[in-house]
Amino acid sequence: MEVTIEVTEEDYIRFNMYHINQSPSQKKLFTILRYMIPIVFSIPIYIIGTEVFQQPSAYWFVIAFIFVIGWILTYPVQYKRSIKRQVKKMLQEGDNSLLFGKKKVRIEEDTMTIVGAHSTETISINNIVKIREYEDMLIVYLSAISAQIIPTRYLDAETKHSILNLINRK
């Protein structure tokens, strides 16, 4: 089975977002940044307001509480924007012609071959660690941090199902 696809920068950014949402270490970091940072910083806000400015403690308690709640509610959006900016900056740092562009994905009995404009990669089906299916892409993991992106906009339902069956057969 052979399929022609094109991987874009937006596909790569979405792949990174999906990967971060699935990574246990990134989930832990996200939780720490979302909950611990505002709690830790609310204490100096309260102390500075009550001790340095000598204002009512109830007033500064409310301000610190609003800071904590505001941070917790808005941090997920800030985090996603930050990740997208970081990925875009990384992509601008060098030649990424191997990541993007038109590719032919050929899946045979025991191998998956990806032929791009500048490279050819042959992967044994047995070396595929896992495959994740999302609405807009299939991600074929070769290790915990290495993967092939197959955008599903180039696949009909039957082809997508066949690819999943061939890879999951191992």
N, C-alpha and C. Protein backbone atom coordinates (compact mmCIF):
# COMPACT_ATOMS: atom_id res chain seq x y z
N MET A 1 0.85 -1.17 0.00
CA MET A 1 0.00 0.00 0.00
C MET A 1 0.90 1.23 0.00
N GLU A 2 0.56 2.19 -0.86
CA GLU A 2 1.35 3.41 -0.95
C GLU A 2 0.42 4.62 -0.91
N VAL A 3 0.82 5.63 -0.12
CA VAL A 3 0.03 6.85 0.04
C VAL A 3 0.98 8.04 -0.09
N THR A 4 0.55 9.05 -0.81
CA THR A 4 1.31 10.28 -0.91
C THR A 4 0.74 11.28 0.09
N ILE A 5 1.63 11.83 0.91
CA ILE A 5 1.21 12.80 1.94
C ILE A 5 2.08 14.04 1.84
N GLU A 6 1.69 15.08 2.55
CA GLU A 6 2.53 16.26 2.69
C GLU A 6 2.46 16.70 4.14
N VAL A 7 3.61 16.75 4.79
CA VAL A 7 3.70 17.17 6.18
C VAL A 7 4.05 18.66 6.18
N THR A 8 3.22 19.45 6.87
CA THR A 8 3.43 20.89 6.95
C THR A 8 3.95 21.28 8.33
N GLU A 9 4.34 22.53 8.46
CA GLU A 9 4.79 23.05 9.76
C GLU A 9 3.66 22.95 10.79
N GLU A 10 2.45 23.22 10.37
CA GLU A 10 1.31 23.14 11.29
C GLU A 10 1.09 21.70 11.77
N ASP A 11 1.30 20.72 10.90
CA ASP A 11 1.22 19.31 11.32
C ASP A 11 2.26 19.02 12.40
N TYR A 12 3.47 19.52 12.19
CA TYR A 12 4.54 19.28 13.15
C TYR A 12 4.24 19.94 14.50
N ILE A 13 3.67 21.13 14.47
CA ILE A 13 3.30 21.82 15.72
C ILE A 13 2.21 21.03 16.44
N ARG A 14 1.21 20.57 15.71
CA ARG A 14 0.14 19.76 16.34
C ARG A 14 0.70 18.45 16.89
N PHE A 15 1.63 17.83 16.17
CA PHE A 15 2.27 16.62 16.67
C PHE A 15 2.93 16.89 18.01
N ASN A 16 3.66 17.99 18.12
CA ASN A 16 4.32 18.32 19.38
C ASN A 16 3.31 18.57 20.50
N MET A 17 2.20 19.20 20.17
CA MET A 17 1.16 19.42 21.18
C MET A 17 0.57 18.09 21.64
N TYR A 18 0.31 17.19 20.71
CA TYR A 18 -0.22 15.87 21.07
C TYR A 18 0.79 15.12 21.94
N HIS A 19 2.04 15.18 21.54
CA HIS A 19 3.08 14.46 22.27
C HIS A 19 3.22 14.99 23.70
N ILE A 20 3.20 16.28 23.86
CA ILE A 20 3.31 16.89 25.18
C ILE A 20 2.12 16.52 26.05
N ASN A 21 0.94 16.46 25.45
CA ASN A 21 -0.25 16.08 26.22
C ASN A 21 -0.22 14.62 26.67
N GLN A 22 0.55 13.77 25.99
CA GLN A 22 0.64 12.36 26.35
C GLN A 22 1.84 12.03 27.23
N SER A 23 2.83 12.89 27.28
CA SER A 23 4.07 12.62 27.99
C SER A 23 3.90 12.75 29.51
N PRO A 24 4.21 11.70 30.28
CA PRO A 24 4.08 11.79 31.74
C PRO A 24 4.95 12.88 32.36
N SER A 25 6.17 13.05 31.86
CA SER A 25 7.05 14.08 32.42
C SER A 25 6.51 15.48 32.12
N GLN A 26 5.94 15.68 30.93
CA GLN A 26 5.38 16.99 30.59
C GLN A 26 4.10 17.27 31.38
N LYS A 27 3.31 16.22 31.63
CA LYS A 27 2.10 16.39 32.45
C LYS A 27 2.48 16.81 33.86
N LYS A 28 3.53 16.21 34.40
CA LYS A 28 3.99 16.55 35.74
C LYS A 28 4.48 18.00 35.79
N LEU A 29 5.29 18.38 34.80
CA LEU A 29 5.78 19.75 34.74
C LEU A 29 4.63 20.74 34.62
N PHE A 30 3.67 20.42 33.77
CA PHE A 30 2.50 21.29 33.59
C PHE A 30 1.75 21.48 34.91
N THR A 31 1.55 20.38 35.65
CA THR A 31 0.85 20.45 36.92
C THR A 31 1.61 21.32 37.92
N ILE A 32 2.92 21.14 37.99
CA ILE A 32 3.73 21.95 38.90
C ILE A 32 3.64 23.42 38.53
N LEU A 33 3.80 23.73 37.25
CA LEU A 33 3.74 25.12 36.81
C LEU A 33 2.35 25.73 37.00
N ARG A 34 1.34 24.92 36.83
CA ARG A 34 -0.02 25.44 36.94
C ARG A 34 -0.44 25.71 38.39
N TYR A 35 -0.04 24.84 39.32
CA TYR A 35 -0.54 24.96 40.68
C TYR A 35 0.50 25.45 41.69
N MET A 36 1.74 24.99 41.58
CA MET A 36 2.73 25.35 42.59
C MET A 36 3.25 26.78 42.44
N ILE A 37 3.48 27.20 41.22
CA ILE A 37 4.01 28.55 40.98
C ILE A 37 3.09 29.63 41.58
N PRO A 38 1.79 29.61 41.31
CA PRO A 38 0.96 30.67 41.89
C PRO A 38 0.87 30.60 43.41
N ILE A 39 0.89 29.41 43.95
CA ILE A 39 0.83 29.29 45.41
C ILE A 39 2.10 29.85 46.03
N VAL A 40 3.25 29.50 45.45
CA VAL A 40 4.53 29.99 45.97
C VAL A 40 4.61 31.51 45.84
N PHE A 41 4.17 32.08 44.72
CA PHE A 41 4.27 33.51 44.52
C PHE A 41 3.19 34.31 45.24
N SER A 42 2.10 33.67 45.61
CA SER A 42 1.06 34.39 46.35
C SER A 42 1.52 34.75 47.76
N ILE A 43 2.42 33.95 48.32
CA ILE A 43 2.93 34.23 49.68
C ILE A 43 3.72 35.54 49.71
N PRO A 44 4.70 35.76 48.80
CA PRO A 44 5.38 37.07 48.81
C PRO A 44 4.43 38.23 48.49
N ILE A 45 3.45 38.00 47.64
CA ILE A 45 2.49 39.07 47.35
C ILE A 45 1.79 39.49 48.64
N TYR A 46 1.34 38.51 49.39
CA TYR A 46 0.64 38.79 50.65
C TYR A 46 1.58 39.47 51.65
N ILE A 47 2.80 38.94 51.81
CA ILE A 47 3.75 39.49 52.79
C ILE A 47 4.16 40.91 52.43
N ILE A 48 4.47 41.15 51.17
CA ILE A 48 4.87 42.49 50.74
C ILE A 48 3.73 43.48 50.97
N GLY A 49 2.53 43.06 50.62
CA GLY A 49 1.38 43.96 50.80
C GLY A 49 1.09 44.30 52.24
N THR A 50 1.18 43.30 53.11
CA THR A 50 0.83 43.55 54.52
C THR A 50 1.99 44.11 55.32
N GLU A 51 3.21 43.65 55.09
CA GLU A 51 4.36 44.07 55.89
C GLU A 51 5.03 45.33 55.33
N VAL A 52 5.33 45.33 54.04
CA VAL A 52 6.05 46.46 53.45
C VAL A 52 5.12 47.66 53.26
N PHE A 53 3.96 47.43 52.67
CA PHE A 53 3.04 48.54 52.41
C PHE A 53 2.12 48.83 53.59
N GLN A 54 2.12 47.94 54.57
CA GLN A 54 1.33 48.10 55.79
C GLN A 54 -0.15 48.37 55.49
N GLN A 55 -0.69 47.52 54.64
CA GLN A 55 -2.10 47.62 54.29
C GLN A 55 -2.85 46.45 54.90
N PRO A 56 -4.17 46.50 54.92
CA PRO A 56 -4.96 45.44 55.56
C PRO A 56 -4.68 44.05 54.95
N SER A 57 -4.58 43.07 55.85
CA SER A 57 -4.26 41.72 55.38
C SER A 57 -5.39 41.12 54.55
N ALA A 58 -6.63 41.44 54.85
CA ALA A 58 -7.75 40.93 54.06
C ALA A 58 -7.65 41.40 52.61
N TYR A 59 -7.26 42.66 52.44
CA TYR A 59 -7.10 43.23 51.09
C TYR A 59 -6.06 42.43 50.31
N TRP A 60 -4.89 42.16 50.89
CA TRP A 60 -3.82 41.45 50.21
C TRP A 60 -4.10 39.95 50.09
N PHE A 61 -4.89 39.42 51.01
CA PHE A 61 -5.30 38.02 50.88
C PHE A 61 -6.17 37.85 49.64
N VAL A 62 -7.09 38.80 49.44
CA VAL A 62 -7.97 38.75 48.26
C VAL A 62 -7.14 38.90 46.98
N ILE A 63 -6.18 39.82 46.98
CA ILE A 63 -5.34 40.01 45.80
C ILE A 63 -4.52 38.75 45.51
N ALA A 64 -3.93 38.14 46.54
CA ALA A 64 -3.15 36.92 46.34
C ALA A 64 -4.06 35.79 45.86
N PHE A 65 -5.26 35.71 46.40
CA PHE A 65 -6.22 34.67 45.99
C PHE A 65 -6.64 34.86 44.54
N ILE A 66 -6.89 36.08 44.14
CA ILE A 66 -7.25 36.38 42.74
C ILE A 66 -6.09 36.01 41.81
N PHE A 67 -4.86 36.30 42.25
CA PHE A 67 -3.69 35.94 41.47
C PHE A 67 -3.63 34.42 41.26
N VAL A 68 -3.81 33.65 42.32
CA VAL A 68 -3.76 32.20 42.24
C VAL A 68 -4.83 31.67 41.30
N ILE A 69 -6.07 32.11 41.49
CA ILE A 69 -7.18 31.63 40.66
C ILE A 69 -6.98 32.06 39.21
N GLY A 70 -6.58 33.31 38.99
CA GLY A 70 -6.34 33.80 37.63
C GLY A 70 -5.26 33.00 36.92
N TRP A 71 -4.17 32.70 37.64
CA TRP A 71 -3.09 31.92 37.05
C TRP A 71 -3.56 30.51 36.69
N ILE A 72 -4.23 29.86 37.62
CA ILE A 72 -4.69 28.48 37.41
C ILE A 72 -5.65 28.40 36.22
N LEU A 73 -6.51 29.42 36.07
CA LEU A 73 -7.48 29.39 34.98
C LEU A 73 -6.87 29.73 33.63
N THR A 74 -5.89 30.63 33.60
CA THR A 74 -5.34 31.08 32.32
C THR A 74 -4.08 30.33 31.90
N TYR A 75 -3.46 29.58 32.79
CA TYR A 75 -2.19 28.94 32.46
C TYR A 75 -2.26 27.94 31.30
N PRO A 76 -3.29 27.10 31.19
CA PRO A 76 -3.31 26.16 30.06
C PRO A 76 -3.18 26.84 28.69
N VAL A 77 -3.86 27.96 28.51
CA VAL A 77 -3.77 28.68 27.23
C VAL A 77 -2.37 29.26 27.06
N GLN A 78 -1.82 29.83 28.14
CA GLN A 78 -0.46 30.39 28.08
C GLN A 78 0.56 29.30 27.75
N TYR A 79 0.39 28.14 28.35
CA TYR A 79 1.31 27.03 28.15
C TYR A 79 1.29 26.57 26.69
N LYS A 80 0.10 26.41 26.13
CA LYS A 80 -0.02 25.99 24.72
C LYS A 80 0.62 27.01 23.79
N ARG A 81 0.37 28.28 24.04
CA ARG A 81 0.99 29.34 23.21
C ARG A 81 2.51 29.29 23.31
N SER A 82 3.00 29.08 24.52
CA SER A 82 4.44 29.01 24.74
C SER A 82 5.06 27.84 23.98
N ILE A 83 4.44 26.69 24.04
CA ILE A 83 4.95 25.52 23.32
C ILE A 83 4.95 25.78 21.82
N LYS A 84 3.87 26.35 21.30
CA LYS A 84 3.80 26.64 19.86
C LYS A 84 4.90 27.60 19.44
N ARG A 85 5.14 28.64 20.25
CA ARG A 85 6.20 29.61 19.94
C ARG A 85 7.57 28.94 19.95
N GLN A 86 7.81 28.08 20.95
CA GLN A 86 9.10 27.40 21.04
C GLN A 86 9.33 26.49 19.84
N VAL A 87 8.31 25.75 19.44
CA VAL A 87 8.45 24.85 18.29
C VAL A 87 8.71 25.66 17.03
N LYS A 88 7.98 26.75 16.83
CA LYS A 88 8.20 27.59 15.65
C LYS A 88 9.62 28.16 15.63
N LYS A 89 10.11 28.60 16.78
CA LYS A 89 11.48 29.12 16.85
C LYS A 89 12.50 28.04 16.52
N MET A 90 12.29 26.83 17.05
CA MET A 90 13.21 25.72 16.75
C MET A 90 13.21 25.42 15.26
N LEU A 91 12.05 25.47 14.63
CA LEU A 91 11.96 25.15 13.21
C LEU A 91 12.64 26.21 12.35
N GLN A 92 12.75 27.44 12.85
CA GLN A 92 13.39 28.51 12.10
C GLN A 92 14.91 28.51 12.24
N GLU A 93 15.44 27.67 13.13
CA GLU A 93 16.87 27.67 13.41
C GLU A 93 17.72 26.98 12.35
N GLY A 94 17.13 26.18 11.50
CA GLY A 94 17.96 25.46 10.53
C GLY A 94 17.14 24.89 9.40
N ASP A 95 17.79 24.03 8.63
CA ASP A 95 17.15 23.39 7.49
C ASP A 95 16.29 22.23 7.97
N ASN A 96 15.01 22.29 7.70
CA ASN A 96 14.08 21.25 8.12
C ASN A 96 13.42 20.57 6.92
N SER A 97 14.13 20.53 5.82
CA SER A 97 13.55 19.96 4.60
C SER A 97 13.25 18.46 4.76
N LEU A 98 13.93 17.79 5.69
CA LEU A 98 13.65 16.37 5.90
C LEU A 98 12.32 16.15 6.63
N LEU A 99 11.89 17.15 7.40
CA LEU A 99 10.65 17.02 8.16
C LEU A 99 9.41 17.29 7.31
N PHE A 100 9.52 18.26 6.42
CA PHE A 100 8.35 18.75 5.70
C PHE A 100 8.38 18.37 4.23
N GLY A 101 7.24 18.60 3.60
CA GLY A 101 7.14 18.37 2.17
C GLY A 101 6.39 17.11 1.83
N LYS A 102 6.34 16.86 0.53
CA LYS A 102 5.63 15.68 0.04
C LYS A 102 6.46 14.44 0.28
N LYS A 103 5.77 13.39 0.68
CA LYS A 103 6.41 12.10 0.95
C LYS A 103 5.50 10.99 0.47
N LYS A 104 6.12 9.89 0.14
CA LYS A 104 5.36 8.67 -0.18
C LYS A 104 5.58 7.71 0.97
N VAL A 105 4.48 7.23 1.52
CA VAL A 105 4.54 6.24 2.59
C VAL A 105 4.11 4.92 1.98
N ARG A 106 5.03 3.97 2.03
CA ARG A 106 4.76 2.65 1.48
C ARG A 106 4.80 1.65 2.63
N ILE A 107 3.68 0.96 2.84
CA ILE A 107 3.62 -0.05 3.90
C ILE A 107 3.47 -1.41 3.24
N GLU A 108 4.43 -2.25 3.55
CA GLU A 108 4.44 -3.60 3.01
C GLU A 108 4.31 -4.59 4.16
N GLU A 109 4.52 -5.84 3.87
CA GLU A 109 4.33 -6.91 4.86
C GLU A 109 5.10 -6.65 6.16
N ASP A 110 6.40 -6.35 6.06
CA ASP A 110 7.24 -6.21 7.25
C ASP A 110 7.90 -4.85 7.39
N THR A 111 7.70 -3.95 6.43
CA THR A 111 8.39 -2.67 6.47
C THR A 111 7.47 -1.51 6.15
N MET A 112 7.86 -0.36 6.64
CA MET A 112 7.22 0.90 6.28
C MET A 112 8.34 1.77 5.72
N THR A 113 8.17 2.25 4.49
CA THR A 113 9.18 3.07 3.84
C THR A 113 8.61 4.46 3.59
N ILE A 114 9.38 5.47 4.00
CA ILE A 114 8.98 6.86 3.79
C ILE A 114 9.99 7.46 2.82
N VAL A 115 9.51 7.87 1.66
CA VAL A 115 10.38 8.43 0.63
C VAL A 115 10.04 9.91 0.50
N GLY A 116 11.02 10.75 0.85
CA GLY A 116 10.87 12.19 0.72
C GLY A 116 11.71 12.70 -0.42
N ALA A 117 11.72 14.02 -0.61
CA ALA A 117 12.49 14.62 -1.69
C ALA A 117 14.00 14.44 -1.46
N HIS A 118 14.42 14.39 -0.17
CA HIS A 118 15.85 14.34 0.14
C HIS A 118 16.28 13.09 0.90
N SER A 119 15.33 12.21 1.19
CA SER A 119 15.71 11.04 2.00
C SER A 119 14.74 9.89 1.79
N THR A 120 15.23 8.72 2.16
CA THR A 120 14.40 7.52 2.19
C THR A 120 14.67 6.83 3.51
N GLU A 121 13.61 6.48 4.21
CA GLU A 121 13.75 5.80 5.49
C GLU A 121 12.91 4.53 5.46
N THR A 122 13.54 3.42 5.78
CA THR A 122 12.85 2.14 5.84
C THR A 122 12.82 1.69 7.30
N ILE A 123 11.64 1.38 7.76
CA ILE A 123 11.43 1.01 9.15
C ILE A 123 10.80 -0.37 9.20
N SER A 124 11.36 -1.22 10.02
CA SER A 124 10.75 -2.53 10.22
C SER A 124 9.48 -2.34 11.05
N ILE A 125 8.40 -2.98 10.65
CA ILE A 125 7.14 -2.89 11.39
C ILE A 125 7.35 -3.32 12.85
N ASN A 126 8.26 -4.26 13.07
CA ASN A 126 8.54 -4.74 14.42
C ASN A 126 9.21 -3.68 15.30
N ASN A 127 9.82 -2.66 14.69
CA ASN A 127 10.49 -1.59 15.45
C ASN A 127 9.54 -0.45 15.83
N ILE A 128 8.32 -0.52 15.39
CA ILE A 128 7.35 0.51 15.75
C ILE A 128 6.92 0.27 17.19
N VAL A 129 7.11 1.29 18.01
CA VAL A 129 6.80 1.18 19.44
C VAL A 129 5.30 1.26 19.68
N LYS A 130 4.67 2.25 19.07
CA LYS A 130 3.21 2.40 19.20
C LYS A 130 2.73 3.32 18.10
N ILE A 131 1.43 3.33 17.93
CA ILE A 131 0.81 4.23 16.97
C ILE A 131 -0.35 4.91 17.67
N ARG A 132 -0.41 6.22 17.52
CA ARG A 132 -1.49 7.00 18.10
C ARG A 132 -2.35 7.55 16.97
N GLU A 133 -3.63 7.45 17.16
CA GLU A 133 -4.57 7.92 16.15
C GLU A 133 -5.28 9.16 16.68
N TYR A 134 -5.20 10.24 15.92
CA TYR A 134 -5.91 11.47 16.24
C TYR A 134 -6.82 11.80 15.06
N GLU A 135 -7.68 12.76 15.24
CA GLU A 135 -8.63 13.12 14.19
C GLU A 135 -7.91 13.55 12.91
N ASP A 136 -6.80 14.28 13.06
CA ASP A 136 -6.13 14.85 11.90
C ASP A 136 -4.81 14.17 11.53
N MET A 137 -4.36 13.18 12.31
CA MET A 137 -3.10 12.53 11.97
C MET A 137 -2.93 11.20 12.69
N LEU A 138 -2.10 10.37 12.07
CA LEU A 138 -1.61 9.15 12.71
C LEU A 138 -0.16 9.44 13.08
N ILE A 139 0.23 9.08 14.29
CA ILE A 139 1.61 9.27 14.72
C ILE A 139 2.18 7.88 14.97
N VAL A 140 3.19 7.55 14.21
CA VAL A 140 3.84 6.25 14.31
C VAL A 140 5.14 6.46 15.10
N TYR A 141 5.15 6.01 16.36
CA TYR A 141 6.31 6.20 17.23
C TYR A 141 7.35 5.11 16.99
N LEU A 142 8.58 5.56 16.76
CA LEU A 142 9.71 4.66 16.59
C LEU A 142 10.50 4.53 17.89
N SER A 143 10.31 5.49 18.77
CA SER A 143 10.87 5.49 20.12
C SER A 143 10.01 6.45 20.93
N ALA A 144 10.43 6.73 22.16
CA ALA A 144 9.65 7.63 23.00
C ALA A 144 9.63 9.06 22.46
N ILE A 145 10.65 9.43 21.66
CA ILE A 145 10.73 10.80 21.17
C ILE A 145 10.85 10.93 19.66
N SER A 146 10.86 9.83 18.94
CA SER A 146 10.98 9.85 17.49
C SER A 146 9.72 9.26 16.87
N ALA A 147 9.20 9.96 15.87
CA ALA A 147 7.95 9.50 15.27
C ALA A 147 7.84 9.94 13.82
N GLN A 148 6.97 9.27 13.11
CA GLN A 148 6.59 9.65 11.75
C GLN A 148 5.15 10.16 11.80
N ILE A 149 4.91 11.28 11.15
CA ILE A 149 3.59 11.90 11.12
C ILE A 149 2.93 11.55 9.80
N ILE A 150 1.71 11.03 9.88
CA ILE A 150 0.94 10.75 8.67
C ILE A 150 -0.37 11.53 8.78
N PRO A 151 -0.47 12.70 8.13
CA PRO A 151 -1.72 13.46 8.17
C PRO A 151 -2.86 12.68 7.55
N THR A 152 -3.99 12.63 8.21
CA THR A 152 -5.11 11.82 7.72
C THR A 152 -5.92 12.54 6.63
N ARG A 153 -5.62 13.78 6.34
CA ARG A 153 -6.35 14.48 5.28
C ARG A 153 -6.09 13.85 3.90
N TYR A 154 -5.03 13.04 3.81
CA TYR A 154 -4.70 12.36 2.56
C TYR A 154 -5.22 10.93 2.52
N LEU A 155 -5.88 10.51 3.58
CA LEU A 155 -6.33 9.13 3.68
C LEU A 155 -7.85 9.06 3.70
N ASP A 156 -8.40 8.13 2.96
CA ASP A 156 -9.83 7.87 3.14
C ASP A 156 -9.97 6.88 4.29
N ALA A 157 -11.17 6.62 4.73
CA ALA A 157 -11.40 5.77 5.90
C ALA A 157 -10.83 4.36 5.70
N GLU A 158 -10.98 3.83 4.49
CA GLU A 158 -10.50 2.47 4.21
C GLU A 158 -8.97 2.40 4.27
N THR A 159 -8.30 3.39 3.69
CA THR A 159 -6.84 3.41 3.70
C THR A 159 -6.31 3.58 5.12
N LYS A 160 -6.94 4.45 5.87
CA LYS A 160 -6.54 4.66 7.27
C LYS A 160 -6.68 3.36 8.06
N HIS A 161 -7.79 2.70 7.88
CA HIS A 161 -8.04 1.43 8.57
C HIS A 161 -7.01 0.37 8.16
N SER A 162 -6.68 0.32 6.87
CA SER A 162 -5.70 -0.64 6.38
C SER A 162 -4.31 -0.38 6.97
N ILE A 163 -3.93 0.90 7.04
CA ILE A 163 -2.63 1.25 7.62
C ILE A 163 -2.58 0.82 9.08
N LEU A 164 -3.62 1.13 9.82
CA LEU A 164 -3.65 0.75 11.24
C LEU A 164 -3.59 -0.77 11.40
N ASN A 165 -4.29 -1.49 10.57
CA ASN A 165 -4.27 -2.96 10.63
C ASN A 165 -2.89 -3.52 10.32
N LEU A 166 -2.25 -3.00 9.26
CA LEU A 166 -0.93 -3.49 8.89
C LEU A 166 0.11 -3.25 9.99
N ILE A 167 0.06 -2.07 10.57
CA ILE A 167 1.04 -1.73 11.61
C ILE A 167 0.72 -2.46 12.92
N ASN A 168 -0.55 -2.54 13.28
CA ASN A 168 -0.92 -3.16 14.55
C ASN A 168 -0.81 -4.68 14.53
N ARG A 169 -0.63 -5.26 13.36
CA ARG A 169 -0.52 -6.70 13.25
C ARG A 169 0.70 -7.27 13.96
N LYS A 170 1.71 -6.49 14.12
CA LYS A 170 2.99 -7.00 14.64
C LYS A 170 2.85 -7.70 15.95
